[in-house]
Amino acid sequence: LLINREKAGHRDRLMRMLGMGGGMDFDSDTNSRDVLWQGDCDEGCQHLADELGWGEELKLMVKEEHRKIDEEKAREKSAKNTPKKVEDLQKSSDNQSPESPPDS
């Protein structure tokens, strides 16, 4: 099953004429293997899950994962905007290379 906005992985005619298989064959009358659901991947996966009776479970899973991503983004944004503590600034300056001693 290929869920995609366009056909992909087609069989090459030349390779097929040379007796070499491989690739997907969506349009052949003898096709008994390859299936294409053409459209948006999220929509296709949700449709498949609905047909298998897993639709609500998938919706909850997607919602939970989006929540986790949003929380992680908020933490990263907060960390960028949080001013450094004075101790951290002092440690940072202590770790810088010392200046050369003045000439006598």
N, C-alpha and C. Protein backbone atom coordinates (compact mmCIF):
# COMPACT_ATOMS: atom_id res chain seq x y z
N LEU A 1 0.85 -1.18 0.00
CA LEU A 1 0.00 0.00 0.00
C LEU A 1 0.88 1.23 0.00
N LEU A 2 0.70 2.09 -0.98
CA LEU A 2 1.39 3.37 -1.04
C LEU A 2 0.36 4.45 -0.76
N ILE A 3 0.61 5.26 0.27
CA ILE A 3 -0.23 6.41 0.57
C ILE A 3 0.63 7.62 0.24
N ASN A 4 0.23 8.34 -0.82
CA ASN A 4 1.07 9.43 -1.31
C ASN A 4 0.24 10.35 -2.18
N ARG A 5 0.71 11.58 -2.38
CA ARG A 5 -0.02 12.52 -3.23
C ARG A 5 0.13 12.20 -4.71
N GLU A 6 1.17 11.45 -5.04
CA GLU A 6 1.37 11.08 -6.44
C GLU A 6 1.93 9.67 -6.51
N LYS A 7 1.80 9.06 -7.66
CA LYS A 7 2.34 7.71 -7.83
C LYS A 7 3.86 7.77 -7.73
N ALA A 8 4.41 6.77 -7.12
CA ALA A 8 5.87 6.69 -6.97
C ALA A 8 6.29 5.24 -7.08
N GLY A 9 7.55 5.02 -7.39
CA GLY A 9 8.07 3.65 -7.43
C GLY A 9 7.55 2.83 -8.59
N HIS A 10 7.23 3.50 -9.71
CA HIS A 10 6.70 2.79 -10.88
C HIS A 10 7.68 1.77 -11.43
N ARG A 11 7.14 0.79 -12.07
CA ARG A 11 7.96 -0.16 -12.83
C ARG A 11 8.45 0.55 -14.08
N ASP A 12 9.68 0.36 -14.39
CA ASP A 12 10.26 0.92 -15.61
C ASP A 12 9.92 -0.01 -16.78
N ARG A 13 9.36 0.54 -17.86
CA ARG A 13 8.95 -0.30 -19.01
C ARG A 13 10.12 -1.08 -19.60
N LEU A 14 11.26 -0.42 -19.75
CA LEU A 14 12.42 -1.09 -20.33
C LEU A 14 12.84 -2.27 -19.46
N MET A 15 12.90 -2.06 -18.16
CA MET A 15 13.29 -3.14 -17.25
C MET A 15 12.28 -4.28 -17.32
N ARG A 16 11.01 -3.93 -17.45
CA ARG A 16 9.96 -4.96 -17.54
C ARG A 16 10.11 -5.76 -18.83
N MET A 17 10.43 -5.06 -19.94
CA MET A 17 10.61 -5.76 -21.23
C MET A 17 11.83 -6.68 -21.19
N LEU A 18 12.81 -6.32 -20.38
CA LEU A 18 14.00 -7.16 -20.24
C LEU A 18 13.77 -8.30 -19.26
N GLY A 19 12.56 -8.37 -18.72
CA GLY A 19 12.23 -9.46 -17.81
C GLY A 19 12.61 -9.21 -16.38
N MET A 20 13.00 -7.98 -16.10
CA MET A 20 13.38 -7.64 -14.72
C MET A 20 12.18 -7.00 -14.03
N GLY A 21 11.86 -7.49 -12.88
CA GLY A 21 10.72 -6.97 -12.13
C GLY A 21 11.11 -5.75 -11.32
N GLY A 22 10.43 -5.58 -10.24
CA GLY A 22 10.70 -4.46 -9.37
C GLY A 22 9.76 -3.31 -9.65
N GLY A 23 9.65 -2.45 -8.72
CA GLY A 23 8.77 -1.31 -8.87
C GLY A 23 7.32 -1.68 -8.63
N MET A 24 6.50 -0.65 -8.56
CA MET A 24 5.08 -0.86 -8.30
C MET A 24 4.30 -0.82 -9.61
N ASP A 25 3.24 -1.55 -9.65
CA ASP A 25 2.42 -1.69 -10.85
C ASP A 25 0.97 -1.43 -10.48
N PHE A 26 0.58 -0.15 -10.46
CA PHE A 26 -0.77 0.21 -10.03
C PHE A 26 -1.81 0.05 -11.13
N ASP A 27 -1.41 0.25 -12.38
CA ASP A 27 -2.38 0.39 -13.47
C ASP A 27 -2.61 -0.86 -14.30
N SER A 28 -1.85 -1.90 -14.06
CA SER A 28 -1.97 -3.12 -14.87
C SER A 28 -3.24 -3.89 -14.51
N ASP A 29 -3.84 -4.48 -15.53
CA ASP A 29 -5.02 -5.33 -15.30
C ASP A 29 -4.66 -6.59 -14.52
N THR A 30 -3.40 -6.98 -14.59
CA THR A 30 -2.95 -8.20 -13.91
C THR A 30 -2.39 -7.92 -12.51
N ASN A 31 -2.43 -6.67 -12.09
CA ASN A 31 -1.90 -6.31 -10.77
C ASN A 31 -2.71 -6.97 -9.66
N SER A 32 -2.04 -7.71 -8.83
CA SER A 32 -2.72 -8.34 -7.69
C SER A 32 -2.02 -7.99 -6.38
N ARG A 33 -1.07 -7.05 -6.46
CA ARG A 33 -0.23 -6.78 -5.31
C ARG A 33 -0.24 -5.32 -4.87
N ASP A 34 -0.08 -4.39 -5.79
CA ASP A 34 0.18 -3.00 -5.45
C ASP A 34 -1.11 -2.18 -5.37
N VAL A 35 -1.20 -1.36 -4.33
CA VAL A 35 -2.38 -0.52 -4.11
C VAL A 35 -1.91 0.90 -3.82
N LEU A 36 -2.58 1.87 -4.43
CA LEU A 36 -2.27 3.28 -4.22
C LEU A 36 -3.49 3.97 -3.63
N TRP A 37 -3.29 4.67 -2.52
CA TRP A 37 -4.30 5.59 -2.00
C TRP A 37 -3.71 6.96 -2.24
N GLN A 38 -4.22 7.66 -3.24
CA GLN A 38 -3.63 8.92 -3.65
C GLN A 38 -4.27 10.07 -2.90
N GLY A 39 -3.44 10.78 -2.15
CA GLY A 39 -3.91 11.92 -1.38
C GLY A 39 -2.94 12.23 -0.26
N ASP A 40 -3.38 13.06 0.66
CA ASP A 40 -2.58 13.49 1.80
C ASP A 40 -2.29 12.30 2.71
N CYS A 41 -1.06 12.18 3.17
CA CYS A 41 -0.65 11.03 3.98
C CYS A 41 -1.43 10.96 5.30
N ASP A 42 -1.57 12.09 5.98
CA ASP A 42 -2.30 12.07 7.25
C ASP A 42 -3.74 11.59 7.05
N GLU A 43 -4.37 12.13 6.01
CA GLU A 43 -5.75 11.75 5.72
C GLU A 43 -5.84 10.26 5.35
N GLY A 44 -4.90 9.79 4.54
CA GLY A 44 -4.90 8.38 4.13
C GLY A 44 -4.70 7.44 5.30
N CYS A 45 -3.77 7.79 6.19
CA CYS A 45 -3.53 6.95 7.37
C CYS A 45 -4.75 6.94 8.29
N GLN A 46 -5.38 8.11 8.44
CA GLN A 46 -6.57 8.17 9.29
C GLN A 46 -7.70 7.34 8.68
N HIS A 47 -7.85 7.42 7.36
CA HIS A 47 -8.89 6.62 6.68
C HIS A 47 -8.63 5.13 6.88
N LEU A 48 -7.39 4.71 6.71
CA LEU A 48 -7.04 3.30 6.91
C LEU A 48 -7.32 2.87 8.35
N ALA A 49 -6.90 3.70 9.31
CA ALA A 49 -7.14 3.38 10.72
C ALA A 49 -8.64 3.30 11.01
N ASP A 50 -9.41 4.21 10.43
CA ASP A 50 -10.87 4.16 10.61
C ASP A 50 -11.44 2.84 10.09
N GLU A 51 -11.00 2.44 8.91
CA GLU A 51 -11.49 1.19 8.31
C GLU A 51 -11.11 -0.03 9.14
N LEU A 52 -9.98 0.04 9.82
CA LEU A 52 -9.52 -1.09 10.65
C LEU A 52 -10.06 -1.03 12.08
N GLY A 53 -10.82 0.04 12.38
CA GLY A 53 -11.38 0.17 13.73
C GLY A 53 -10.42 0.80 14.72
N TRP A 54 -9.36 1.43 14.23
CA TRP A 54 -8.36 2.05 15.11
C TRP A 54 -8.40 3.57 15.03
N GLY A 55 -9.42 4.13 14.39
CA GLY A 55 -9.47 5.56 14.12
C GLY A 55 -9.36 6.44 15.35
N GLU A 56 -10.17 6.15 16.37
CA GLU A 56 -10.15 6.99 17.58
C GLU A 56 -8.81 6.88 18.30
N GLU A 57 -8.25 5.68 18.33
CA GLU A 57 -6.95 5.48 18.97
C GLU A 57 -5.87 6.30 18.26
N LEU A 58 -5.90 6.33 16.94
CA LEU A 58 -4.92 7.11 16.18
C LEU A 58 -5.10 8.60 16.44
N LYS A 59 -6.35 9.06 16.46
CA LYS A 59 -6.60 10.49 16.74
C LYS A 59 -6.05 10.89 18.10
N LEU A 60 -6.27 10.06 19.12
CA LEU A 60 -5.74 10.35 20.45
C LEU A 60 -4.22 10.35 20.47
N MET A 61 -3.63 9.39 19.77
CA MET A 61 -2.17 9.29 19.72
C MET A 61 -1.57 10.54 19.05
N VAL A 62 -2.16 10.97 17.94
CA VAL A 62 -1.67 12.15 17.23
C VAL A 62 -1.81 13.39 18.11
N LYS A 63 -2.95 13.52 18.79
CA LYS A 63 -3.19 14.66 19.67
C LYS A 63 -2.15 14.71 20.79
N GLU A 64 -1.86 13.56 21.40
CA GLU A 64 -0.89 13.47 22.49
C GLU A 64 0.51 13.82 22.00
N GLU A 65 0.89 13.31 20.85
CA GLU A 65 2.23 13.60 20.32
C GLU A 65 2.37 15.07 19.94
N HIS A 66 1.33 15.68 19.41
CA HIS A 66 1.37 17.11 19.10
C HIS A 66 1.51 17.92 20.39
N ARG A 67 0.83 17.49 21.45
CA ARG A 67 0.94 18.17 22.74
C ARG A 67 2.38 18.12 23.24
N LYS A 68 3.02 16.95 23.13
CA LYS A 68 4.41 16.80 23.57
C LYS A 68 5.35 17.70 22.77
N ILE A 69 5.13 17.76 21.47
CA ILE A 69 5.96 18.62 20.61
C ILE A 69 5.79 20.07 21.01
N ASP A 70 4.54 20.50 21.23
CA ASP A 70 4.27 21.88 21.63
C ASP A 70 4.93 22.21 22.97
N GLU A 71 4.88 21.28 23.92
CA GLU A 71 5.52 21.50 25.22
C GLU A 71 7.04 21.63 25.07
N GLU A 72 7.63 20.79 24.25
CA GLU A 72 9.08 20.84 24.03
C GLU A 72 9.49 22.16 23.39
N LYS A 73 8.72 22.61 22.42
CA LYS A 73 9.00 23.90 21.78
C LYS A 73 8.90 25.03 22.79
N ALA A 74 7.89 24.99 23.66
CA ALA A 74 7.72 26.02 24.69
C ALA A 74 8.90 26.02 25.65
N ARG A 75 9.38 24.82 26.05
CA ARG A 75 10.54 24.74 26.95
C ARG A 75 11.79 25.32 26.28
N GLU A 76 11.99 24.99 25.01
CA GLU A 76 13.15 25.51 24.28
C GLU A 76 13.08 27.02 24.16
N LYS A 77 11.91 27.54 23.87
CA LYS A 77 11.74 28.99 23.74
C LYS A 77 11.99 29.67 25.08
N SER A 78 11.47 29.07 26.15
CA SER A 78 11.66 29.62 27.49
C SER A 78 13.13 29.62 27.87
N ALA A 79 13.84 28.55 27.54
CA ALA A 79 15.27 28.46 27.88
C ALA A 79 16.06 29.52 27.13
N LYS A 80 15.69 29.82 25.90
CA LYS A 80 16.39 30.85 25.12
C LYS A 80 16.15 32.23 25.71
N ASN A 81 14.96 32.46 26.24
CA ASN A 81 14.59 33.78 26.73
C ASN A 81 14.91 34.00 28.19
N THR A 82 15.35 32.96 28.90
CA THR A 82 15.67 33.09 30.32
C THR A 82 17.05 33.71 30.47
N PRO A 83 17.14 34.83 31.22
CA PRO A 83 18.46 35.44 31.40
C PRO A 83 19.36 34.51 32.21
N LYS A 84 20.65 34.58 31.92
CA LYS A 84 21.59 33.74 32.65
C LYS A 84 21.74 34.26 34.07
N LYS A 85 22.00 33.33 34.98
CA LYS A 85 22.23 33.70 36.37
C LYS A 85 23.61 34.35 36.49
N VAL A 86 23.80 35.18 37.50
CA VAL A 86 25.08 35.85 37.72
C VAL A 86 26.19 34.82 37.87
N GLU A 87 25.92 33.71 38.58
CA GLU A 87 26.95 32.69 38.78
C GLU A 87 27.38 32.09 37.44
N ASP A 88 26.40 31.87 36.56
CA ASP A 88 26.72 31.30 35.25
C ASP A 88 27.57 32.27 34.44
N LEU A 89 27.26 33.56 34.55
CA LEU A 89 28.05 34.55 33.83
C LEU A 89 29.47 34.61 34.37
N GLN A 90 29.62 34.49 35.71
CA GLN A 90 30.95 34.50 36.31
C GLN A 90 31.74 33.28 35.88
N LYS A 91 31.12 32.11 35.89
CA LYS A 91 31.79 30.88 35.46
C LYS A 91 32.24 31.02 34.01
N SER A 92 31.38 31.60 33.20
CA SER A 92 31.70 31.78 31.79
C SER A 92 32.92 32.67 31.62
N SER A 93 32.99 33.76 32.39
CA SER A 93 34.13 34.67 32.27
C SER A 93 35.38 34.04 32.87
N ASP A 94 35.24 33.20 33.91
CA ASP A 94 36.40 32.52 34.50
C ASP A 94 37.00 31.51 33.53
N ASN A 95 36.19 30.94 32.66
CA ASN A 95 36.67 29.93 31.72
C ASN A 95 37.31 30.52 30.47
N GLN A 96 37.20 31.84 30.31
CA GLN A 96 37.82 32.47 29.14
C GLN A 96 39.32 32.52 29.34
N SER A 97 40.06 32.53 28.24
CA SER A 97 41.52 32.52 28.35
C SER A 97 42.00 33.82 28.99
N PRO A 98 42.96 33.73 29.90
CA PRO A 98 43.45 34.93 30.58
C PRO A 98 44.23 35.80 29.60
N GLU A 99 44.21 37.08 29.89
CA GLU A 99 44.95 38.01 29.04
C GLU A 99 46.43 37.88 29.34
N SER A 100 47.24 38.30 28.40
CA SER A 100 48.69 38.27 28.61
C SER A 100 49.05 39.26 29.70
N PRO A 101 50.05 38.91 30.53
CA PRO A 101 50.45 39.85 31.59
C PRO A 101 51.05 41.11 30.97
N PRO A 102 50.88 42.22 31.63
CA PRO A 102 51.42 43.48 31.08
C PRO A 102 52.95 43.42 31.04
N ASP A 103 53.53 44.14 30.08
CA ASP A 103 54.99 44.20 29.98
C ASP A 103 55.56 45.01 31.13
N SER A 104 56.72 44.59 31.65
CA SER A 104 57.33 45.33 32.75
C SER A 104 58.37 46.27 32.24
